[in-house]
C-alpha atoms as a PDB file:
ATOM      1  CA  UNK A   1      -3.747  -5.735 -16.759  1.00  0.00           C
ATOM      2  CA  UNK A   2      -5.606  -2.447 -16.612  1.00  0.00           C
ATOM      3  CA  UNK A   3      -3.907   0.909 -16.291  1.00  0.00           C
ATOM      4  CA  UNK A   4      -4.944   4.456 -15.493  1.00  0.00           C
ATOM      5  CA  UNK A   5      -8.606   5.420 -15.486  1.00  0.00           C
ATOM      6  CA  UNK A   6      -9.824   1.959 -16.571  1.00  0.00           C
ATOM      7  CA  UNK A   7      -8.126   0.360 -13.593  1.00  0.00           C
ATOM      8  CA  UNK A   8      -9.500   2.937 -11.165  1.00  0.00           C
ATOM      9  CA  UNK A   9     -13.015   2.541 -12.575  1.00  0.00           C
ATOM     10  CA  UNK A  10     -12.832  -1.239 -12.218  1.00  0.00           C
ATOM     11  CA  UNK A  11     -11.721  -0.892  -8.583  1.00  0.00           C
ATOM     12  CA  UNK A  12     -14.410   1.695  -7.891  1.00  0.00           C
ATOM     13  CA  UNK A  13     -17.156  -0.511  -9.366  1.00  0.00           C
ATOM     14  CA  UNK A  14     -16.285  -3.307  -6.923  1.00  0.00           C
ATOM     15  CA  UNK A  15     -18.138  -2.379  -3.712  1.00  0.00           C
ATOM     16  CA  UNK A  16     -15.834  -4.620  -1.651  1.00  0.00           C
ATOM     17  CA  UNK A  17     -12.681  -2.651  -2.486  1.00  0.00           C
ATOM     18  CA  UNK A  18     -11.527  -0.217   0.172  1.00  0.00           C
ATOM     19  CA  UNK A  19      -8.666   2.243   0.041  1.00  0.00           C
ATOM     20  CA  UNK A  20      -6.319   2.413   3.031  1.00  0.00           C
ATOM     21  CA  UNK A  21      -3.342   4.697   3.464  1.00  0.00           C
ATOM     22  CA  UNK A  22      -0.369   5.104   5.730  1.00  0.00           C
ATOM     23  CA  UNK A  23       2.321   7.745   6.059  1.00  0.00           C
ATOM     24  CA  UNK A  24       5.806   7.995   7.523  1.00  0.00           C
ATOM     25  CA  UNK A  25       8.414  10.725   7.852  1.00  0.00           C
ATOM     26  CA  UNK A  26      11.087  10.773   5.148  1.00  0.00           C
ATOM     27  CA  UNK A  27      14.746  11.043   6.116  1.00  0.00           C
ATOM     28  CA  UNK A  28      16.241  14.510   5.576  1.00  0.00           C
ATOM     29  CA  UNK A  29      18.766  13.056   3.113  1.00  0.00           C
ATOM     30  CA  UNK A  30      16.106  11.955   0.606  1.00  0.00           C
ATOM     31  CA  UNK A  31      15.654  14.152  -2.469  1.00  0.00           C
ATOM     32  CA  UNK A  32      11.878  14.454  -2.085  1.00  0.00           C
ATOM     33  CA  UNK A  33      12.077  15.416   1.629  1.00  0.00           C
ATOM     34  CA  UNK A  34      12.003  19.149   0.924  1.00  0.00           C
ATOM     35  CA  UNK A  35       8.891  18.721  -1.205  1.00  0.00           C
ATOM     36  CA  UNK A  36       6.917  16.119   0.756  1.00  0.00           C
ATOM     37  CA  UNK A  37       8.512  15.459   4.192  1.00  0.00           C
ATOM     38  CA  UNK A  38       6.285  12.386   4.453  1.00  0.00           C
ATOM     39  CA  UNK A  39       6.018   9.278   2.333  1.00  0.00           C
ATOM     40  CA  UNK A  40       2.590   7.854   1.638  1.00  0.00           C
ATOM     41  CA  UNK A  41       1.469   4.336   0.772  1.00  0.00           C
ATOM     42  CA  UNK A  42      -2.033   3.695  -0.540  1.00  0.00           C
ATOM     43  CA  UNK A  43      -3.520   0.230  -0.997  1.00  0.00           C
ATOM     44  CA  UNK A  44      -6.775  -0.801  -2.699  1.00  0.00           C
ATOM     45  CA  UNK A  45      -7.831  -3.981  -0.917  1.00  0.00           C
ATOM     46  CA  UNK A  46     -10.604  -6.409  -1.854  1.00  0.00           C
ATOM     47  CA  UNK A  47     -12.253  -7.214   1.454  1.00  0.00           C
ATOM     48  CA  UNK A  48     -13.584 -10.528   0.106  1.00  0.00           C
ATOM     49  CA  UNK A  49     -10.121 -12.077   0.325  1.00  0.00           C
ATOM     50  CA  UNK A  50      -7.827  -9.332   1.649  1.00  0.00           C
ATOM     51  CA  UNK A  51      -5.870  -9.146  -1.621  1.00  0.00           C
ATOM     52  CA  UNK A  52      -4.106  -5.949  -2.608  1.00  0.00           C
ATOM     53  CA  UNK A  53      -5.677  -5.082  -5.958  1.00  0.00           C
ATOM     54  CA  UNK A  54      -3.642  -1.918  -6.533  1.00  0.00           C
ATOM     55  CA  UNK A  55      -0.950   0.010  -4.724  1.00  0.00           C
ATOM     56  CA  UNK A  56       0.634   3.423  -4.982  1.00  0.00           C
ATOM     57  CA  UNK A  57       3.192   5.456  -3.135  1.00  0.00           C
ATOM     58  CA  UNK A  58       4.556   8.984  -3.123  1.00  0.00           C
ATOM     59  CA  UNK A  59       8.058   7.760  -3.934  1.00  0.00           C
ATOM     60  CA  UNK A  60       9.645  10.188  -6.383  1.00  0.00           C
ATOM     61  CA  UNK A  61      10.483   8.044  -9.414  1.00  0.00           C
ATOM     62  CA  UNK A  62       8.203   5.943 -11.581  1.00  0.00           C
ATOM     63  CA  UNK A  63      10.613   3.008 -11.341  1.00  0.00           C
ATOM     64  CA  UNK A  64      10.469   3.045  -7.521  1.00  0.00           C
ATOM     65  CA  UNK A  65       6.657   3.270  -7.602  1.00  0.00           C
ATOM     66  CA  UNK A  66       6.386   0.427 -10.123  1.00  0.00           C
ATOM     67  CA  UNK A  67       8.823  -1.710  -8.145  1.00  0.00           C
ATOM     68  CA  UNK A  68       6.802  -1.173  -4.956  1.00  0.00           C
ATOM     69  CA  UNK A  69       3.611  -2.152  -6.793  1.00  0.00           C
ATOM     70  CA  UNK A  70       5.263  -5.337  -8.041  1.00  0.00           C
ATOM     71  CA  UNK A  71       6.321  -6.175  -4.486  1.00  0.00           C
ATOM     72  CA  UNK A  72       2.877  -5.848  -2.906  1.00  0.00           C
ATOM     73  CA  UNK A  73       0.075  -6.241  -5.458  1.00  0.00           C
ATOM     74  CA  UNK A  74      -1.621  -9.617  -5.272  1.00  0.00           C
ATOM     75  CA  UNK A  75      -0.497 -10.265  -1.700  1.00  0.00           C
ATOM     76  CA  UNK A  76      -2.967 -10.614   1.165  1.00  0.00           C
ATOM     77  CA  UNK A  77      -3.151  -7.979   3.887  1.00  0.00           C
ATOM     78  CA  UNK A  78      -4.470 -10.638   6.246  1.00  0.00           C
ATOM     79  CA  UNK A  79      -2.355 -13.698   5.451  1.00  0.00           C
ATOM     80  CA  UNK A  80       0.893 -12.309   4.036  1.00  0.00           C
ATOM     81  CA  UNK A  81       1.662  -9.500   6.504  1.00  0.00           C
ATOM     82  CA  UNK A  82       5.096 -10.685   7.650  1.00  0.00           C
ATOM     83  CA  UNK A  83       6.054 -11.658   4.103  1.00  0.00           C
ATOM     84  CA  UNK A  84       4.946  -8.268   2.739  1.00  0.00           C
ATOM     85  CA  UNK A  85       7.015  -6.357   5.288  1.00  0.00           C
ATOM     86  CA  UNK A  86      10.025  -8.608   4.780  1.00  0.00           C
ATOM     87  CA  UNK A  87       9.734  -8.378   0.992  1.00  0.00           C
ATOM     88  CA  UNK A  88       9.821  -4.576   1.091  1.00  0.00           C
ATOM     89  CA  UNK A  89      12.618  -4.492   3.667  1.00  0.00           C
ATOM     90  CA  UNK A  90      14.861  -6.844   1.690  1.00  0.00           C
ATOM     91  CA  UNK A  91      14.047  -5.854  -1.896  1.00  0.00           C
ATOM     92  CA  UNK A  92      13.727  -2.049  -1.607  1.00  0.00           C
ATOM     93  CA  UNK A  93      17.172  -0.765  -0.655  1.00  0.00           C
ATOM     94  CA  UNK A  94      16.531   2.919  -1.357  1.00  0.00           C
ATOM     95  CA  UNK A  95      17.139   5.600   1.258  1.00  0.00           C
ATOM     96  CA  UNK A  96      13.379   5.813   1.777  1.00  0.00           C
ATOM     97  CA  UNK A  97      13.170   2.112   2.665  1.00  0.00           C
ATOM     98  CA  UNK A  98      12.495   2.524   6.377  1.00  0.00           C
ATOM     99  CA  UNK A  99       9.800   5.133   5.728  1.00  0.00           C
ATOM    100  CA  UNK A 100       8.269   2.931   3.028  1.00  0.00           C
ATOM    101  CA  UNK A 101       8.117  -0.026   5.415  1.00  0.00           C
ATOM    102  CA  UNK A 102       6.612   2.114   8.186  1.00  0.00           C
ATOM    103  CA  UNK A 103       3.968   3.567   5.853  1.00  0.00           C
ATOM    104  CA  UNK A 104       3.100   0.058   4.632  1.00  0.00           C
ATOM    105  CA  UNK A 105       2.779  -1.178   8.220  1.00  0.00           C
ATOM    106  CA  UNK A 106       0.408   1.687   8.967  1.00  0.00           C
ATOM    107  CA  UNK A 107      -1.766   0.679   5.990  1.00  0.00           C
ATOM    108  CA  UNK A 108      -1.892  -2.882   7.260  1.00  0.00           C
ATOM    109  CA  UNK A 109      -2.738  -1.682  10.776  1.00  0.00           C
ATOM    110  CA  UNK A 110      -5.543   0.525   9.417  1.00  0.00           C
ATOM    111  CA  UNK A 111      -7.037  -2.411   7.497  1.00  0.00           C
ATOM    112  CA  UNK A 112      -6.764  -4.662  10.541  1.00  0.00           C
ATOM    113  CA  UNK A 113      -8.477  -2.051  12.709  1.00  0.00           C
ATOM    114  CA  UNK A 114     -11.312  -1.608  10.196  1.00  0.00           C
ATOM    115  CA  UNK A 115     -11.737  -5.372  10.078  1.00  0.00           C
ATOM    116  CA  UNK A 116     -11.803  -5.777  13.855  1.00  0.00           C
ATOM    117  CA  UNK A 117     -14.260  -2.870  14.176  1.00  0.00           C
ATOM    118  CA  UNK A 118     -16.486  -4.511  11.514  1.00  0.00           C
ATOM    119  CA  UNK A 119     -16.280  -1.380   9.363  1.00  0.00           C
ATOM    120  CA  UNK A 120     -15.507  -3.177   6.097  1.00  0.00           C
ATOM    121  CA  UNK A 121     -18.084  -3.776   3.338  1.00  0.00           C
ATOM    122  CA  UNK A 122     -20.130  -7.001   3.501  1.00  0.00           C
ATOM    123  CA  UNK A 123     -18.292 -10.139   2.460  1.00  0.00           C
ATOM    124  CA  UNK A 124     -15.104  -8.991   4.165  1.00  0.00           C
ATOM    125  CA  UNK A 125     -12.260 -11.293   5.006  1.00  0.00           C
END
């Protein structure tokens, strides 16, 4: 598995990979609310098969970010939508869970809209 700059460069060199993002309001009770107010989810998706190649989030701790990545990377944004949402809802029990799910849904909606508008690179799923 690649990490850091090597991973980003590999994603960037693949012309089929697109980056989609989604945001949701954080609850007032969450520690990072005063700093961010919104939670972001970013997905790098290979349009050839709809697979999530990389994921990131503005969750505060590295463990939470890594756990989110483990939940979603490798899944398909076209075939595994319900499973992805359910996986995050049931496995991420942090106070930011609802915002995380909403931000993920917005990413999936953005990808779906790009696909239906034929705005994805050639060879898209």
